[in-house]
Amino acid sequence: MATTHTVLVVEDDDESRQLLTEILELEGFSVAAAANGAEAWDYLRQSDKPCMIVLDIFMPIMDGRKFRSLQLQDQKLAKIPTIVVSALDPSAINDPAALKVFRKPVDINVLLEVVKHNC
């Protein structure tokens, strides 16, 4: 299914970010990638809104929690569906506004279904 929808992938691990980018692109999505929350925040402030954000929690410079705090304070950006991924158990992630919370390693097929359904 070809689409021009953009997914913003925010992940500090280079290999994980690249792999997720490649998988999403193979599924027909455009991907914007950021290595931390600060890069993702800059992207959101300067670019068209993505249809979805896939966000790691533990990152340097600006972590996922700080990013989510800023995102949720901005009316235009708060509405972007966000999937949170973390090494923590999902019950330890206190983000009721997140579309989904996945524990790493993420089942890529399940993640893709959520992205396809919501983008």
PDB file of N, CA and C in Angstrom:
ATOM      1  N   MET A   1       0.838  -1.176   0.000  1.00  0.00           N
ATOM      2  CA  MET A   1       0.000   0.000   0.000  1.00  0.00           C
ATOM      3  C   MET A   1       0.883   1.238   0.000  1.00  0.00           C
ATOM      4  N   ALA A   2       0.916   1.963  -1.075  1.00  0.00           N
ATOM      5  CA  ALA A   2       1.741   3.158  -1.180  1.00  0.00           C
ATOM      6  C   ALA A   2       1.049   4.322  -0.475  1.00  0.00           C
ATOM      7  N   THR A   3       1.817   5.094   0.240  1.00  0.00           N
ATOM      8  CA  THR A   3       1.268   6.238   0.960  1.00  0.00           C
ATOM      9  C   THR A   3       2.329   7.317   1.058  1.00  0.00           C
ATOM     10  N   THR A   4       1.902   8.515   1.282  1.00  0.00           N
ATOM     11  CA  THR A   4       2.849   9.605   1.484  1.00  0.00           C
ATOM     12  C   THR A   4       2.858  10.039   2.941  1.00  0.00           C
ATOM     13  N   HIS A   5       2.247   9.242   3.793  1.00  0.00           N
ATOM     14  CA  HIS A   5       2.219   9.572   5.212  1.00  0.00           C
ATOM     15  C   HIS A   5       3.605   9.416   5.824  1.00  0.00           C
ATOM     16  N   THR A   6       3.938  10.351   6.694  1.00  0.00           N
ATOM     17  CA  THR A   6       5.247  10.343   7.348  1.00  0.00           C
ATOM     18  C   THR A   6       5.120   9.868   8.788  1.00  0.00           C
ATOM     19  N   VAL A   7       6.019   8.970   9.173  1.00  0.00           N
ATOM     20  CA  VAL A   7       6.141   8.507  10.549  1.00  0.00           C
ATOM     21  C   VAL A   7       7.441   9.086  11.093  1.00  0.00           C
ATOM     22  N   LEU A   8       7.367   9.702  12.260  1.00  0.00           N
ATOM     23  CA  LEU A   8       8.560  10.222  12.929  1.00  0.00           C
ATOM     24  C   LEU A   8       9.061   9.162  13.895  1.00  0.00           C
ATOM     25  N   VAL A   9      10.269   8.662  13.653  1.00  0.00           N
ATOM     26  CA  VAL A   9      10.893   7.652  14.502  1.00  0.00           C
ATOM     27  C   VAL A   9      11.926   8.354  15.380  1.00  0.00           C
ATOM     28  N   VAL A  10      11.751   8.267  16.693  1.00  0.00           N
ATOM     29  CA  VAL A  10      12.643   8.923  17.642  1.00  0.00           C
ATOM     30  C   VAL A  10      13.303   7.829  18.473  1.00  0.00           C
ATOM     31  N   GLU A  11      14.554   7.556  18.171  1.00  0.00           N
ATOM     32  CA  GLU A  11      15.283   6.426  18.780  1.00  0.00           C
ATOM     33  C   GLU A  11      16.763   6.763  18.784  1.00  0.00           C
ATOM     34  N   ASP A  12      17.411   6.667  19.948  1.00  0.00           N
ATOM     35  CA  ASP A  12      18.828   7.015  20.034  1.00  0.00           C
ATOM     36  C   ASP A  12      19.761   5.919  19.531  1.00  0.00           C
ATOM     37  N   ASP A  13      19.310   4.675  19.522  1.00  0.00           N
ATOM     38  CA  ASP A  13      20.152   3.589  19.032  1.00  0.00           C
ATOM     39  C   ASP A  13      20.156   3.609  17.502  1.00  0.00           C
ATOM     40  N   ASP A  14      21.324   3.852  16.922  1.00  0.00           N
ATOM     41  CA  ASP A  14      21.430   4.000  15.465  1.00  0.00           C
ATOM     42  C   ASP A  14      20.895   2.794  14.703  1.00  0.00           C
ATOM     43  N   GLU A  15      21.259   1.594  15.139  1.00  0.00           N
ATOM     44  CA  GLU A  15      20.821   0.382  14.436  1.00  0.00           C
ATOM     45  C   GLU A  15      19.311   0.202  14.513  1.00  0.00           C
ATOM     46  N   SER A  16      18.745   0.413  15.678  1.00  0.00           N
ATOM     47  CA  SER A  16      17.296   0.281  15.849  1.00  0.00           C
ATOM     48  C   SER A  16      16.549   1.310  15.013  1.00  0.00           C
ATOM     49  N   ARG A  17      17.038   2.550  15.042  1.00  0.00           N
ATOM     50  CA  ARG A  17      16.415   3.625  14.265  1.00  0.00           C
ATOM     51  C   ARG A  17      16.477   3.325  12.767  1.00  0.00           C
ATOM     52  N   GLN A  18      17.628   2.859  12.293  1.00  0.00           N
ATOM     53  CA  GLN A  18      17.792   2.543  10.880  1.00  0.00           C
ATOM     54  C   GLN A  18      16.915   1.364  10.464  1.00  0.00           C
ATOM     55  N   LEU A  19      16.867   0.334  11.286  1.00  0.00           N
ATOM     56  CA  LEU A  19      16.059  -0.842  10.976  1.00  0.00           C
ATOM     57  C   LEU A  19      14.574  -0.478  10.908  1.00  0.00           C
ATOM     58  N   LEU A  20      14.098   0.260  11.876  1.00  0.00           N
ATOM     59  CA  LEU A  20      12.695   0.660  11.879  1.00  0.00           C
ATOM     60  C   LEU A  20      12.387   1.559  10.680  1.00  0.00           C
ATOM     61  N   THR A  21      13.302   2.448  10.359  1.00  0.00           N
ATOM     62  CA  THR A  21      13.137   3.316   9.187  1.00  0.00           C
ATOM     63  C   THR A  21      13.010   2.484   7.921  1.00  0.00           C
ATOM     64  N   GLU A  22      13.900   1.516   7.741  1.00  0.00           N
ATOM     65  CA  GLU A  22      13.868   0.680   6.543  1.00  0.00           C
ATOM     66  C   GLU A  22      12.579  -0.132   6.451  1.00  0.00           C
ATOM     67  N   ILE A  23      12.133  -0.686   7.557  1.00  0.00           N
ATOM     68  CA  ILE A  23      10.909  -1.492   7.562  1.00  0.00           C
ATOM     69  C   ILE A  23       9.703  -0.627   7.205  1.00  0.00           C
ATOM     70  N   LEU A  24       9.609   0.548   7.810  1.00  0.00           N
ATOM     71  CA  LEU A  24       8.490   1.437   7.513  1.00  0.00           C
ATOM     72  C   LEU A  24       8.513   1.902   6.060  1.00  0.00           C
ATOM     73  N   GLU A  25       9.703   2.187   5.536  1.00  0.00           N
ATOM     74  CA  GLU A  25       9.813   2.595   4.137  1.00  0.00           C
ATOM     75  C   GLU A  25       9.411   1.468   3.194  1.00  0.00           C
ATOM     76  N   LEU A  26       9.778   0.234   3.539  1.00  0.00           N
ATOM     77  CA  LEU A  26       9.361  -0.916   2.724  1.00  0.00           C
ATOM     78  C   LEU A  26       7.843  -1.065   2.718  1.00  0.00           C
ATOM     79  N   GLU A  27       7.191  -0.608   3.782  1.00  0.00           N
ATOM     80  CA  GLU A  27       5.730  -0.661   3.876  1.00  0.00           C
ATOM     81  C   GLU A  27       5.075   0.542   3.201  1.00  0.00           C
ATOM     82  N   GLY A  28       5.890   1.428   2.618  1.00  0.00           N
ATOM     83  CA  GLY A  28       5.353   2.552   1.858  1.00  0.00           C
ATOM     84  C   GLY A  28       5.259   3.870   2.602  1.00  0.00           C
ATOM     85  N   PHE A  29       5.770   3.924   3.822  1.00  0.00           N
ATOM     86  CA  PHE A  29       5.722   5.160   4.585  1.00  0.00           C
ATOM     87  C   PHE A  29       6.963   6.000   4.315  1.00  0.00           C
ATOM     88  N   SER A  30       6.795   7.291   4.424  1.00  0.00           N
ATOM     89  CA  SER A  30       7.922   8.204   4.469  1.00  0.00           C
ATOM     90  C   SER A  30       8.343   8.266   5.933  1.00  0.00           C
ATOM     91  N   VAL A  31       9.636   8.343   6.200  1.00  0.00           N
ATOM     92  CA  VAL A  31      10.108   8.329   7.584  1.00  0.00           C
ATOM     93  C   VAL A  31      11.017   9.517   7.843  1.00  0.00           C
ATOM     94  N   ALA A  32      10.749  10.208   8.930  1.00  0.00           N
ATOM     95  CA  ALA A  32      11.657  11.214   9.460  1.00  0.00           C
ATOM     96  C   ALA A  32      12.262  10.577  10.707  1.00  0.00           C
ATOM     97  N   ALA A  33      13.566  10.676  10.859  1.00  0.00           N
ATOM     98  CA  ALA A  33      14.235  10.027  11.986  1.00  0.00           C
ATOM     99  C   ALA A  33      14.945  11.065  12.850  1.00  0.00           C
ATOM    100  N   ALA A  34      14.880  10.833  14.152  1.00  0.00           N
ATOM    101  CA  ALA A  34      15.549  11.705  15.110  1.00  0.00           C
ATOM    102  C   ALA A  34      16.247  10.836  16.149  1.00  0.00           C
ATOM    103  N   ALA A  35      17.428  11.275  16.586  1.00  0.00           N
ATOM    104  CA  ALA A  35      18.219  10.499  17.533  1.00  0.00           C
ATOM    105  C   ALA A  35      17.894  10.824  18.992  1.00  0.00           C
ATOM    106  N   ASN A  36      17.066  11.834  19.214  1.00  0.00           N
ATOM    107  CA  ASN A  36      16.679  12.198  20.578  1.00  0.00           C
ATOM    108  C   ASN A  36      15.465  13.116  20.526  1.00  0.00           C
ATOM    109  N   GLY A  37      14.914  13.404  21.687  1.00  0.00           N
ATOM    110  CA  GLY A  37      13.721  14.231  21.749  1.00  0.00           C
ATOM    111  C   GLY A  37      13.925  15.649  21.246  1.00  0.00           C
ATOM    112  N   ALA A  38      15.126  16.208  21.443  1.00  0.00           N
ATOM    113  CA  ALA A  38      15.394  17.573  20.974  1.00  0.00           C
ATOM    114  C   ALA A  38      15.336  17.636  19.449  1.00  0.00           C
ATOM    115  N   GLU A  39      15.937  16.648  18.777  1.00  0.00           N
ATOM    116  CA  GLU A  39      15.870  16.604  17.311  1.00  0.00           C
ATOM    117  C   GLU A  39      14.429  16.433  16.846  1.00  0.00           C
ATOM    118  N   ALA A  40      13.683  15.581  17.531  1.00  0.00           N
ATOM    119  CA  ALA A  40      12.284  15.354  17.173  1.00  0.00           C
ATOM    120  C   ALA A  40      11.465  16.627  17.375  1.00  0.00           C
ATOM    121  N   TRP A  41      11.711  17.325  18.474  1.00  0.00           N
ATOM    122  CA  TRP A  41      10.994  18.563  18.750  1.00  0.00           C
ATOM    123  C   TRP A  41      11.271  19.601  17.675  1.00  0.00           C
ATOM    124  N   ASP A  42      12.542  19.735  17.294  1.00  0.00           N
ATOM    125  CA  ASP A  42      12.905  20.666  16.213  1.00  0.00           C
ATOM    126  C   ASP A  42      12.182  20.293  14.917  1.00  0.00           C
ATOM    127  N   TYR A  43      12.137  18.998  14.612  1.00  0.00           N
ATOM    128  CA  TYR A  43      11.462  18.537  13.403  1.00  0.00           C
ATOM    129  C   TYR A  43       9.980  18.940  13.439  1.00  0.00           C
ATOM    130  N   LEU A  44       9.317  18.682  14.549  1.00  0.00           N
ATOM    131  CA  LEU A  44       7.892  18.993  14.653  1.00  0.00           C
ATOM    132  C   LEU A  44       7.612  20.482  14.530  1.00  0.00           C
ATOM    133  N   ARG A  45       8.497  21.288  15.027  1.00  0.00           N
ATOM    134  CA  ARG A  45       8.293  22.739  14.991  1.00  0.00           C
ATOM    135  C   ARG A  45       8.558  23.322  13.604  1.00  0.00           C
ATOM    136  N   GLN A  46       9.310  22.591  12.749  1.00  0.00           N
ATOM    137  CA  GLN A  46       9.721  23.140  11.460  1.00  0.00           C
ATOM    138  C   GLN A  46       9.130  22.422  10.255  1.00  0.00           C
ATOM    139  N   SER A  47       8.430  21.318  10.448  1.00  0.00           N
ATOM    140  CA  SER A  47       7.979  20.493   9.324  1.00  0.00           C
ATOM    141  C   SER A  47       6.484  20.222   9.430  1.00  0.00           C
ATOM    142  N   ASP A  48       5.947  19.615   8.378  1.00  0.00           N
ATOM    143  CA  ASP A  48       4.563  19.164   8.431  1.00  0.00           C
ATOM    144  C   ASP A  48       4.439  18.098   9.503  1.00  0.00           C
ATOM    145  N   LYS A  49       3.261  18.026  10.099  1.00  0.00           N
ATOM    146  CA  LYS A  49       3.035  17.043  11.151  1.00  0.00           C
ATOM    147  C   LYS A  49       3.074  15.625  10.577  1.00  0.00           C
ATOM    148  N   PRO A  50       3.740  14.716  11.257  1.00  0.00           N
ATOM    149  CA  PRO A  50       3.694  13.310  10.836  1.00  0.00           C
ATOM    150  C   PRO A  50       2.343  12.707  11.209  1.00  0.00           C
ATOM    151  N   CYS A  51       2.018  11.579  10.593  1.00  0.00           N
ATOM    152  CA  CYS A  51       0.763  10.902  10.938  1.00  0.00           C
ATOM    153  C   CYS A  51       0.913  10.117  12.235  1.00  0.00           C
ATOM    154  N   MET A  52       2.162   9.866  12.641  1.00  0.00           N
ATOM    155  CA  MET A  52       2.414   9.073  13.847  1.00  0.00           C
ATOM    156  C   MET A  52       3.841   9.325  14.322  1.00  0.00           C
ATOM    157  N   ILE A  53       4.037   9.155  15.627  1.00  0.00           N
ATOM    158  CA  ILE A  53       5.375   9.218  16.221  1.00  0.00           C
ATOM    159  C   ILE A  53       5.637   7.887  16.918  1.00  0.00           C
ATOM    160  N   VAL A  54       6.805   7.308  16.664  1.00  0.00           N
ATOM    161  CA  VAL A  54       7.275   6.131  17.399  1.00  0.00           C
ATOM    162  C   VAL A  54       8.424   6.645  18.262  1.00  0.00           C
ATOM    163  N   LEU A  55       8.241   6.603  19.580  1.00  0.00           N
ATOM    164  CA  LEU A  55       9.115   7.313  20.511  1.00  0.00           C
ATOM    165  C   LEU A  55       9.739   6.392  21.547  1.00  0.00           C
ATOM    166  N   ASP A  56      11.061   6.391  21.582  1.00  0.00           N
ATOM    167  CA  ASP A  56      11.799   5.713  22.650  1.00  0.00           C
ATOM    168  C   ASP A  56      11.720   6.603  23.897  1.00  0.00           C
ATOM    169  N   ILE A  57      11.846   6.007  25.052  1.00  0.00           N
ATOM    170  CA  ILE A  57      11.801   6.785  26.296  1.00  0.00           C
ATOM    171  C   ILE A  57      13.193   7.204  26.759  1.00  0.00           C
ATOM    172  N   PHE A  58      14.135   6.263  26.807  1.00  0.00           N
ATOM    173  CA  PHE A  58      15.460   6.559  27.345  1.00  0.00           C
ATOM    174  C   PHE A  58      16.400   6.991  26.235  1.00  0.00           C
ATOM    175  N   MET A  59      16.688   8.312  26.197  1.00  0.00           N
ATOM    176  CA  MET A  59      17.577   8.891  25.190  1.00  0.00           C
ATOM    177  C   MET A  59      18.369  10.024  25.827  1.00  0.00           C
ATOM    178  N   PRO A  60      19.523  10.320  25.253  1.00  0.00           N
ATOM    179  CA  PRO A  60      20.298  11.464  25.754  1.00  0.00           C
ATOM    180  C   PRO A  60      19.705  12.787  25.260  1.00  0.00           C
ATOM    181  N   ILE A  61      20.192  13.862  25.773  1.00  0.00           N
ATOM    182  CA  ILE A  61      19.856  15.243  25.409  1.00  0.00           C
ATOM    183  C   ILE A  61      18.432  15.592  25.848  1.00  0.00           C
ATOM    184  N   MET A  62      17.424  14.981  25.220  1.00  0.00           N
ATOM    185  CA  MET A  62      16.037  15.117  25.685  1.00  0.00           C
ATOM    186  C   MET A  62      15.403  13.742  25.603  1.00  0.00           C
ATOM    187  N   ASP A  63      14.972  13.223  26.750  1.00  0.00           N
ATOM    188  CA  ASP A  63      14.389  11.883  26.743  1.00  0.00           C
ATOM    189  C   ASP A  63      12.934  11.924  26.276  1.00  0.00           C
ATOM    190  N   GLY A  64      12.352  10.760  26.135  1.00  0.00           N
ATOM    191  CA  GLY A  64      10.994  10.652  25.632  1.00  0.00           C
ATOM    192  C   GLY A  64       9.959  11.276  26.552  1.00  0.00           C
ATOM    193  N   ARG A  65      10.195  11.215  27.843  1.00  0.00           N
ATOM    194  CA  ARG A  65       9.234  11.809  28.788  1.00  0.00           C
ATOM    195  C   ARG A  65       9.181  13.325  28.651  1.00  0.00           C
ATOM    196  N   LYS A  66      10.335  13.951  28.550  1.00  0.00           N
ATOM    197  CA  LYS A  66      10.377  15.408  28.367  1.00  0.00           C
ATOM    198  C   LYS A  66       9.758  15.783  27.020  1.00  0.00           C
ATOM    199  N   PHE A  67      10.070  15.022  25.980  1.00  0.00           N
ATOM    200  CA  PHE A  67       9.482  15.269  24.668  1.00  0.00           C
ATOM    201  C   PHE A  67       7.957  15.198  24.750  1.00  0.00           C
ATOM    202  N   ARG A  68       7.441  14.132  25.393  1.00  0.00           N
ATOM    203  CA  ARG A  68       5.985  13.960  25.500  1.00  0.00           C
ATOM    204  C   ARG A  68       5.361  15.113  26.287  1.00  0.00           C
ATOM    205  N   SER A  69       6.033  15.576  27.320  1.00  0.00           N
ATOM    206  CA  SER A  69       5.529  16.700  28.092  1.00  0.00           C
ATOM    207  C   SER A  69       5.363  17.931  27.197  1.00  0.00           C
ATOM    208  N   LEU A  70       6.375  18.226  26.401  1.00  0.00           N
ATOM    209  CA  LEU A  70       6.292  19.356  25.475  1.00  0.00           C
ATOM    210  C   LEU A  70       5.222  19.126  24.413  1.00  0.00           C
ATOM    211  N   GLN A  71       5.190  17.921  23.866  1.00  0.00           N
ATOM    212  CA  GLN A  71       4.220  17.596  22.818  1.00  0.00           C
ATOM    213  C   GLN A  71       2.792  17.780  23.333  1.00  0.00           C
ATOM    214  N   LEU A  72       2.512  17.270  24.506  1.00  0.00           N
ATOM    215  CA  LEU A  72       1.154  17.315  25.035  1.00  0.00           C
ATOM    216  C   LEU A  72       0.724  18.718  25.463  1.00  0.00           C
ATOM    217  N   GLN A  73       1.682  19.619  25.649  1.00  0.00           N
ATOM    218  CA  GLN A  73       1.358  21.003  25.992  1.00  0.00           C
ATOM    219  C   GLN A  73       1.010  21.839  24.759  1.00  0.00           C
ATOM    220  N   ASP A  74       1.321  21.334  23.585  1.00  0.00           N
ATOM    221  CA  ASP A  74       1.066  22.042  22.336  1.00  0.00           C
ATOM    222  C   ASP A  74      -0.187  21.457  21.685  1.00  0.00           C
ATOM    223  N   GLN A  75      -1.248  22.251  21.566  1.00  0.00           N
ATOM    224  CA  GLN A  75      -2.519  21.746  21.056  1.00  0.00           C
ATOM    225  C   GLN A  75      -2.401  21.076  19.689  1.00  0.00           C
ATOM    226  N   LYS A  76      -1.605  21.630  18.798  1.00  0.00           N
ATOM    227  CA  LYS A  76      -1.477  21.067  17.450  1.00  0.00           C
ATOM    228  C   LYS A  76      -0.706  19.754  17.457  1.00  0.00           C
ATOM    229  N   LEU A  77       0.268  19.645  18.320  1.00  0.00           N
ATOM    230  CA  LEU A  77       1.130  18.459  18.338  1.00  0.00           C
ATOM    231  C   LEU A  77       0.611  17.361  19.255  1.00  0.00           C
ATOM    232  N   ALA A  78      -0.202  17.726  20.221  1.00  0.00           N
ATOM    233  CA  ALA A  78      -0.725  16.753  21.181  1.00  0.00           C
ATOM    234  C   ALA A  78      -1.606  15.708  20.506  1.00  0.00           C
ATOM    235  N   LYS A  79      -2.198  16.061  19.376  1.00  0.00           N
ATOM    236  CA  LYS A  79      -3.123  15.163  18.686  1.00  0.00           C
ATOM    237  C   LYS A  79      -2.432  14.117  17.816  1.00  0.00           C
ATOM    238  N   ILE A  80      -1.125  14.225  17.644  1.00  0.00           N
ATOM    239  CA  ILE A  80      -0.404  13.248  16.825  1.00  0.00           C
ATOM    240  C   ILE A  80      -0.344  11.924  17.591  1.00  0.00           C
ATOM    241  N   PRO A  81      -0.886  10.838  17.022  1.00  0.00           N
ATOM    242  CA  PRO A  81      -0.808   9.541  17.705  1.00  0.00           C
ATOM    243  C   PRO A  81       0.644   9.160  17.972  1.00  0.00           C
ATOM    244  N   THR A  82       0.903   8.698  19.182  1.00  0.00           N
ATOM    245  CA  THR A  82       2.277   8.370  19.574  1.00  0.00           C
ATOM    246  C   THR A  82       2.335   6.975  20.168  1.00  0.00           C
ATOM    247  N   ILE A  83       3.257   6.190  19.627  1.00  0.00           N
ATOM    248  CA  ILE A  83       3.576   4.870  20.164  1.00  0.00           C
ATOM    249  C   ILE A  83       4.853   5.027  20.980  1.00  0.00           C
ATOM    250  N   VAL A  84       4.805   4.628  22.229  1.00  0.00           N
ATOM    251  CA  VAL A  84       5.964   4.710  23.110  1.00  0.00           C
ATOM    252  C   VAL A  84       6.602   3.329  23.192  1.00  0.00           C
ATOM    253  N   VAL A  85       7.925   3.278  23.051  1.00  0.00           N
ATOM    254  CA  VAL A  85       8.665   2.028  23.192  1.00  0.00           C
ATOM    255  C   VAL A  85       9.714   2.207  24.283  1.00  0.00           C
ATOM    256  N   SER A  86       9.888   1.169  25.092  1.00  0.00           N
ATOM    257  CA  SER A  86      10.812   1.278  26.215  1.00  0.00           C
ATOM    258  C   SER A  86      11.280  -0.097  26.655  1.00  0.00           C
ATOM    259  N   ALA A  87      12.420  -0.105  27.305  1.00  0.00           N
ATOM    260  CA  ALA A  87      12.909  -1.337  27.910  1.00  0.00           C
ATOM    261  C   ALA A  87      12.128  -1.645  29.187  1.00  0.00           C
ATOM    262  N   LEU A  88      11.426  -0.647  29.715  1.00  0.00           N
ATOM    263  CA  LEU A  88      10.619  -0.839  30.914  1.00  0.00           C
ATOM    264  C   LEU A  88       9.339  -1.609  30.583  1.00  0.00           C
ATOM    265  N   ASP A  89       8.788  -2.238  31.579  1.00  0.00           N
ATOM    266  CA  ASP A  89       7.478  -2.855  31.432  1.00  0.00           C
ATOM    267  C   ASP A  89       6.466  -1.752  31.099  1.00  0.00           C
ATOM    268  N   PRO A  90       5.552  -1.992  30.167  1.00  0.00           N
ATOM    269  CA  PRO A  90       4.580  -0.960  29.791  1.00  0.00           C
ATOM    270  C   PRO A  90       3.811  -0.361  30.967  1.00  0.00           C
ATOM    271  N   SER A  91       3.568  -1.145  32.009  1.00  0.00           N
ATOM    272  CA  SER A  91       2.846  -0.622  33.167  1.00  0.00           C
ATOM    273  C   SER A  91       3.666   0.440  33.921  1.00  0.00           C
ATOM    274  N   ALA A  92       4.980   0.462  33.701  1.00  0.00           N
ATOM    275  CA  ALA A  92       5.833   1.448  34.362  1.00  0.00           C
ATOM    276  C   ALA A  92       5.874   2.778  33.610  1.00  0.00           C
ATOM    277  N   ILE A  93       5.349   2.792  32.405  1.00  0.00           N
ATOM    278  CA  ILE A  93       5.315   4.019  31.605  1.00  0.00           C
ATOM    279  C   ILE A  93       3.979   4.699  31.875  1.00  0.00           C
ATOM    280  N   ASN A  94       4.033   5.821  32.526  1.00  0.00           N
ATOM    281  CA  ASN A  94       2.811   6.546  32.869  1.00  0.00           C
ATOM    282  C   ASN A  94       2.501   7.549  31.764  1.00  0.00           C
ATOM    283  N   ASP A  95       1.858   7.076  30.694  1.00  0.00           N
ATOM    284  CA  ASP A  95       1.505   7.946  29.578  1.00  0.00           C
ATOM    285  C   ASP A  95       0.133   7.542  29.056  1.00  0.00           C
ATOM    286  N   PRO A  96      -0.913   7.950  29.758  1.00  0.00           N
ATOM    287  CA  PRO A  96      -2.260   7.559  29.331  1.00  0.00           C
ATOM    288  C   PRO A  96      -2.665   8.121  27.979  1.00  0.00           C
ATOM    289  N   ALA A  97      -1.967   9.160  27.496  1.00  0.00           N
ATOM    290  CA  ALA A  97      -2.294   9.750  26.200  1.00  0.00           C
ATOM    291  C   ALA A  97      -1.638   8.998  25.036  1.00  0.00           C
ATOM    292  N   ALA A  98      -0.707   8.098  25.348  1.00  0.00           N
ATOM    293  CA  ALA A  98      -0.036   7.341  24.275  1.00  0.00           C
ATOM    294  C   ALA A  98      -1.034   6.391  23.618  1.00  0.00           C
ATOM    295  N   LEU A  99      -0.910   6.258  22.311  1.00  0.00           N
ATOM    296  CA  LEU A  99      -1.764   5.332  21.575  1.00  0.00           C
ATOM    297  C   LEU A  99      -1.496   3.910  22.037  1.00  0.00           C
ATOM    298  N   LYS A 100      -0.230   3.539  22.113  1.00  0.00           N
ATOM    299  CA  LYS A 100       0.215   2.223  22.579  1.00  0.00           C
ATOM    300  C   LYS A 100       1.548   2.384  23.274  1.00  0.00           C
ATOM    301  N   VAL A 101       1.834   1.473  24.184  1.00  0.00           N
ATOM    302  CA  VAL A 101       3.145   1.395  24.824  1.00  0.00           C
ATOM    303  C   VAL A 101       3.643  -0.025  24.626  1.00  0.00           C
ATOM    304  N   PHE A 102       4.817  -0.145  24.020  1.00  0.00           N
ATOM    305  CA  PHE A 102       5.416  -1.447  23.754  1.00  0.00           C
ATOM    306  C   PHE A 102       6.724  -1.585  24.512  1.00  0.00           C
ATOM    307  N   ARG A 103       6.970  -2.808  24.970  1.00  0.00           N
ATOM    308  CA  ARG A 103       8.253  -3.126  25.600  1.00  0.00           C
ATOM    309  C   ARG A 103       9.213  -3.615  24.521  1.00  0.00           C
ATOM    310  N   LYS A 104      10.469  -3.160  24.617  1.00  0.00           N
ATOM    311  CA  LYS A 104      11.502  -3.639  23.699  1.00  0.00           C
ATOM    312  C   LYS A 104      11.923  -5.035  24.090  1.00  0.00           C
ATOM    313  N   PRO A 105      12.254  -5.908  23.179  1.00  0.00           N
ATOM    314  CA  PRO A 105      12.164  -5.698  21.737  1.00  0.00           C
ATOM    315  C   PRO A 105      10.711  -5.741  21.271  1.00  0.00           C
ATOM    316  N   VAL A 106      10.384  -4.856  20.363  1.00  0.00           N
ATOM    317  CA  VAL A 106       9.026  -4.711  19.869  1.00  0.00           C
ATOM    318  C   VAL A 106       8.745  -5.770  18.806  1.00  0.00           C
ATOM    319  N   ASP A 107       7.563  -6.351  18.855  1.00  0.00           N
ATOM    320  CA  ASP A 107       7.106  -7.234  17.786  1.00  0.00           C
ATOM    321  C   ASP A 107       6.779  -6.327  16.607  1.00  0.00           C
ATOM    322  N   ILE A 108       7.621  -6.346  15.590  1.00  0.00           N
ATOM    323  CA  ILE A 108       7.507  -5.412  14.476  1.00  0.00           C
ATOM    324  C   ILE A 108       6.186  -5.560  13.736  1.00  0.00           C
ATOM    325  N   ASN A 109       5.660  -6.773  13.663  1.00  0.00           N
ATOM    326  CA  ASN A 109       4.385  -6.973  12.971  1.00  0.00           C
ATOM    327  C   ASN A 109       3.235  -6.283  13.702  1.00  0.00           C
ATOM    328  N   VAL A 110       3.249  -6.341  15.014  1.00  0.00           N
ATOM    329  CA  VAL A 110       2.213  -5.675  15.810  1.00  0.00           C
ATOM    330  C   VAL A 110       2.363  -4.159  15.675  1.00  0.00           C
ATOM    331  N   LEU A 111       3.588  -3.666  15.759  1.00  0.00           N
ATOM    332  CA  LEU A 111       3.833  -2.239  15.612  1.00  0.00           C
ATOM    333  C   LEU A 111       3.358  -1.754  14.242  1.00  0.00           C
ATOM    334  N   LEU A 112       3.677  -2.507  13.197  1.00  0.00           N
ATOM    335  CA  LEU A 112       3.251  -2.132  11.844  1.00  0.00           C
ATOM    336  C   LEU A 112       1.735  -2.086  11.720  1.00  0.00           C
ATOM    337  N   GLU A 113       1.062  -3.005  12.337  1.00  0.00           N
ATOM    338  CA  GLU A 113      -0.410  -3.003  12.299  1.00  0.00           C
ATOM    339  C   GLU A 113      -0.969  -1.738  12.937  1.00  0.00           C
ATOM    340  N   VAL A 114      -0.377  -1.328  14.059  1.00  0.00           N
ATOM    341  CA  VAL A 114      -0.843  -0.118  14.739  1.00  0.00           C
ATOM    342  C   VAL A 114      -0.571   1.106  13.856  1.00  0.00           C
ATOM    343  N   VAL A 115       0.605   1.168  13.258  1.00  0.00           N
ATOM    344  CA  VAL A 115       0.934   2.298  12.387  1.00  0.00           C
ATOM    345  C   VAL A 115      -0.014   2.325  11.191  1.00  0.00           C
ATOM    346  N   LYS A 116      -0.186   1.183  10.523  1.00  0.00           N
ATOM    347  CA  LYS A 116      -1.063   1.138   9.344  1.00  0.00           C
ATOM    348  C   LYS A 116      -2.494   1.518   9.697  1.00  0.00           C
ATOM    349  N   HIS A 117      -2.967   1.078  10.834  1.00  0.00           N
ATOM    350  CA  HIS A 117      -4.346   1.348  11.240  1.00  0.00           C
ATOM    351  C   HIS A 117      -4.565   2.827  11.572  1.00  0.00           C
ATOM    352  N   ASN A 118      -3.529   3.503  12.031  1.00  0.00           N
ATOM    353  CA  ASN A 118      -3.681   4.879  12.511  1.00  0.00           C
ATOM    354  C   ASN A 118      -3.090   5.947  11.615  1.00  0.00           C
ATOM    355  N   CYS A 119      -2.407   5.544  10.557  1.00  0.00           N
ATOM    356  CA  CYS A 119      -1.840   6.542   9.625  1.00  0.00           C
ATOM    357  C   CYS A 119      -2.686   6.629   8.376  1.00  0.00           C
TER     358      CYS A 119
END
